[in-house]
Structures are given as structure tokens and as C-alpha cells.
Amino acid sequence: MKQLVLIALMAIIFMSSCNVEENEDISRGSTIDLSQADRDEIMQAFLATEDAWNKGDLEEFMKGYKESENIAFVGASGPTYGYQATLERYKNGYPDTTAMGKLDFEVLKLYGIDNITAVMIGRFYLNRTIGDQQGYYTLIWQKTADGWRIISDHSSGGPVE
């Protein structure tokens, strides 16, 4: 009888551990396919930011971001929180078109996390007379009443060698 109880207890423990591993796999990064309409809308908003940058218009560039105090930008000097603070960071770091140069984005991956959240990973190239820069970015997009907008931007890069 004791052996039967021990075997049953071991079976329960084994099945429980399998279930935890299965749930951990699910929570580790399930992705969904974005609809073509969502992909197109994200790319349209994204390319509009590139165009605005290349025209030297940071106010227009920021229209790609959600106008919220909850957005985040993370760069080499750390995080900045909030729409206005992010805009000011860009204005301080890129005070004129010479500093801004010409920006070119390359999208490496775009996928959905859920029906209103998407992740974009890519590379940027900044061609400037004062020294070119390049690097990588990860953008978190959220579907809002105003369309898809960036809610988190983590960009890192440096001079082109």
C-alpha cells in the first residue's frame, strides 16, 4: 500500500513539473502573425518618422510616438520617460540638420505580441558631415485610437568605423 501511495505521489509531482515547463514555454515569447493591414500601418507610420527626420522636423518625427507620459526612450545615456521629455532629448542631441544628418532604417524583424502590441527590431544608419553613426533599435508599437504608435524605443549605436 505504501508503495502505491509513493508511486502515485511521484506521478503527481512529475506531471506537475511537466505542466510548469509547458506553461513556461508559453510565457517565454509567444508571437502572433500581424495582419497585412497592421503591418502596412506600422510601416507607413515608421517611414513617416524617417521622412520627418530627413526633413529636419523633430516635431513631425515624434508623431510616430504615442503622446503619453508612459512612453520610454532608452539610449546610451539611459532611459527617458514621457513624450515631451523624449522630444526634448532629441532636440538637445540633434539641435540642427547637420547633427541630424540623413537617416536610413532597415527593418530586420516585425512581429506581434498580441492584437495591440508589436515589436520591431532593426538597424539604423545616420549619414552626417560631422561623422556617420549606425546601430540597432528595438521598438515596441501599440495600436491606439490614432493608429500604431511607438511606446518604447531602445536604440544603441556609435560611429561608423
Protein backbone atom coordinates (compact mmCIF):
# COMPACT_ATOMS: atom_id res chain seq x y z
CA MET A 1 0.00 0.00 0.00
CA LYS A 2 2.82 2.41 0.90
CA GLN A 3 4.48 1.69 -2.46
CA LEU A 4 1.24 2.53 -4.31
CA VAL A 5 0.89 5.85 -2.45
CA LEU A 6 4.56 6.65 -3.13
CA ILE A 7 4.17 5.87 -6.84
CA ALA A 8 1.01 7.99 -7.04
CA LEU A 9 2.75 10.88 -5.25
CA MET A 10 5.75 10.67 -7.60
CA ALA A 11 3.44 10.63 -10.61
CA ILE A 12 1.66 13.78 -9.37
CA ILE A 13 4.98 15.57 -8.80
CA PHE A 14 6.23 14.53 -12.24
CA MET A 15 3.04 15.67 -14.01
CA SER A 16 3.08 18.97 -12.12
CA SER A 17 6.67 19.68 -13.19
CA CYS A 18 5.81 18.90 -16.81
CA ASN A 19 2.89 21.29 -16.66
CA VAL A 20 5.09 24.09 -15.25
CA GLU A 21 7.63 23.61 -18.05
CA GLU A 22 4.86 23.69 -20.64
CA ASN A 23 3.47 26.95 -19.18
CA GLU A 24 6.96 28.46 -19.02
CA ASP A 25 7.41 27.73 -22.73
CA ILE A 26 4.19 29.58 -23.48
CA SER A 27 5.18 32.61 -21.43
CA ARG A 28 8.67 32.78 -22.91
CA GLY A 29 7.68 34.61 -26.02
CA SER A 30 4.68 33.51 -27.95
CA THR A 31 4.24 35.66 -31.00
CA ILE A 32 1.37 36.18 -33.37
CA ASP A 33 1.30 36.98 -37.03
CA LEU A 34 0.31 40.57 -37.68
CA SER A 35 -2.34 41.15 -40.30
CA GLN A 36 -1.13 42.70 -43.53
CA ALA A 37 -3.18 45.80 -42.71
CA ASP A 38 -1.42 46.17 -39.33
CA ARG A 39 2.00 45.60 -40.94
CA ASP A 40 1.23 48.22 -43.58
CA GLU A 41 0.03 50.74 -41.00
CA ILE A 42 3.10 50.23 -38.80
CA MET A 43 5.44 50.59 -41.79
CA GLN A 44 3.62 53.70 -43.00
CA ALA A 45 3.97 55.33 -39.56
CA PHE A 46 7.59 54.19 -39.31
CA LEU A 47 8.60 55.50 -42.73
CA ALA A 48 6.88 58.82 -41.90
CA THR A 49 9.27 59.18 -38.94
CA GLU A 50 12.24 58.58 -41.25
CA ASP A 51 10.93 61.19 -43.73
CA ALA A 52 10.34 63.74 -40.96
CA TRP A 53 13.85 63.20 -39.58
CA ASN A 54 15.38 63.67 -43.01
CA LYS A 55 13.47 66.95 -43.38
CA GLY A 56 14.88 68.12 -40.04
CA ASP A 57 11.42 68.15 -38.39
CA LEU A 58 11.62 66.59 -34.91
CA GLU A 59 8.05 67.63 -34.03
CA GLU A 60 6.78 65.64 -37.02
CA PHE A 61 9.20 62.79 -36.26
CA MET A 62 7.68 62.44 -32.78
CA LYS A 63 4.20 61.87 -34.25
CA GLY A 64 5.32 58.25 -34.60
CA TYR A 65 5.37 58.02 -30.80
CA LYS A 66 2.34 57.74 -28.54
CA GLU A 67 1.75 61.11 -26.91
CA SER A 68 1.89 59.85 -23.34
CA GLU A 69 3.93 60.28 -20.20
CA ASN A 70 4.26 56.48 -20.14
CA ILE A 71 6.47 56.10 -23.21
CA ALA A 72 10.16 55.33 -22.81
CA PHE A 73 13.29 56.02 -24.83
CA VAL A 74 16.47 54.18 -23.84
CA GLY A 75 19.79 55.18 -25.33
CA ALA A 76 23.45 55.15 -24.32
CA SER A 77 22.90 57.70 -21.54
CA GLY A 78 19.99 55.78 -20.01
CA PRO A 79 16.20 55.99 -20.07
CA THR A 80 13.97 58.98 -20.69
CA TYR A 81 10.28 58.75 -19.81
CA GLY A 82 7.43 60.73 -21.35
CA TYR A 83 6.64 62.20 -24.73
CA GLN A 84 7.78 65.76 -24.01
CA ALA A 85 10.99 64.63 -22.28
CA THR A 86 11.80 62.37 -25.24
CA LEU A 87 11.21 65.23 -27.68
CA GLU A 88 13.50 67.48 -25.61
CA ARG A 89 16.16 64.76 -25.55
CA TYR A 90 16.06 64.59 -29.34
CA LYS A 91 16.19 68.39 -29.64
CA ASN A 92 19.22 68.56 -27.32
CA GLY A 93 21.05 65.71 -29.04
CA TYR A 94 20.21 66.83 -32.58
CA PRO A 95 19.90 70.63 -32.49
CA ASP A 96 20.14 71.18 -36.24
CA THR A 97 20.10 69.39 -39.58
CA THR A 98 23.89 69.00 -39.53
CA ALA A 99 23.64 66.96 -36.34
CA MET A 100 20.58 65.10 -37.64
CA GLY A 101 22.08 64.15 -40.99
CA LYS A 102 20.17 61.68 -43.15
CA LEU A 103 18.60 58.65 -41.50
CA ASP A 104 18.02 55.28 -43.12
CA PHE A 105 16.22 52.46 -41.33
CA GLU A 106 16.43 48.75 -42.05
CA VAL A 107 13.74 46.55 -40.50
CA LEU A 108 15.12 43.14 -39.54
CA LYS A 109 12.03 41.71 -37.84
CA LEU A 110 8.45 42.76 -37.14
CA TYR A 111 6.07 40.58 -35.16
CA GLY A 112 3.05 40.81 -32.89
CA ILE A 113 2.95 40.03 -29.21
CA ASP A 114 -0.83 40.34 -29.03
CA ASN A 115 -3.54 42.09 -31.06
CA ILE A 116 -2.45 45.59 -29.99
CA THR A 117 1.30 45.24 -29.43
CA ALA A 118 4.10 44.67 -31.93
CA VAL A 119 7.89 44.52 -31.78
CA MET A 120 10.20 45.86 -34.47
CA ILE A 121 13.92 45.12 -34.48
CA GLY A 122 16.19 46.80 -36.94
CA ARG A 123 19.26 48.74 -37.85
CA PHE A 124 19.77 52.45 -38.44
CA TYR A 125 22.33 54.37 -40.45
CA LEU A 126 22.87 58.07 -39.85
CA ASN A 127 24.94 59.77 -42.56
CA ARG A 128 26.35 63.12 -41.40
CA THR A 129 29.10 65.51 -42.42
CA ILE A 130 30.20 65.55 -38.76
CA GLY A 131 30.60 61.76 -38.62
CA ASP A 132 28.36 58.87 -39.56
CA GLN A 133 26.68 56.68 -36.98
CA GLN A 134 25.00 53.32 -37.10
CA GLY A 135 23.36 50.97 -34.66
CA TYR A 136 20.36 48.88 -33.75
CA TYR A 137 16.92 49.58 -32.34
CA THR A 138 14.03 47.75 -30.77
CA LEU A 139 10.68 49.50 -30.96
CA ILE A 140 7.53 48.45 -29.14
CA TRP A 141 4.43 49.55 -31.05
CA GLN A 142 0.92 49.86 -29.63
CA LYS A 143 -2.32 50.08 -31.59
CA THR A 144 -4.08 53.24 -30.38
CA ALA A 145 -7.12 55.26 -31.40
CA ASP A 146 -4.67 57.33 -33.51
CA GLY A 147 -3.13 54.26 -35.17
CA TRP A 148 0.05 52.34 -34.38
CA ARG A 149 2.45 54.36 -32.23
CA ILE A 150 5.82 53.71 -30.58
CA ILE A 151 5.60 53.29 -26.80
CA SER A 152 9.18 52.15 -26.18
CA ASP A 153 12.36 52.82 -28.16
CA HIS A 154 15.69 51.26 -27.25
CA SER A 155 18.37 52.47 -29.65
CA SER A 156 22.10 51.96 -29.40
CA GLY A 157 24.88 52.75 -31.77
CA GLY A 158 28.08 54.58 -32.38
CA PRO A 159 30.40 55.93 -35.02
CA VAL A 160 30.91 54.04 -38.24
CA GLU A 161 34.43 52.66 -38.23
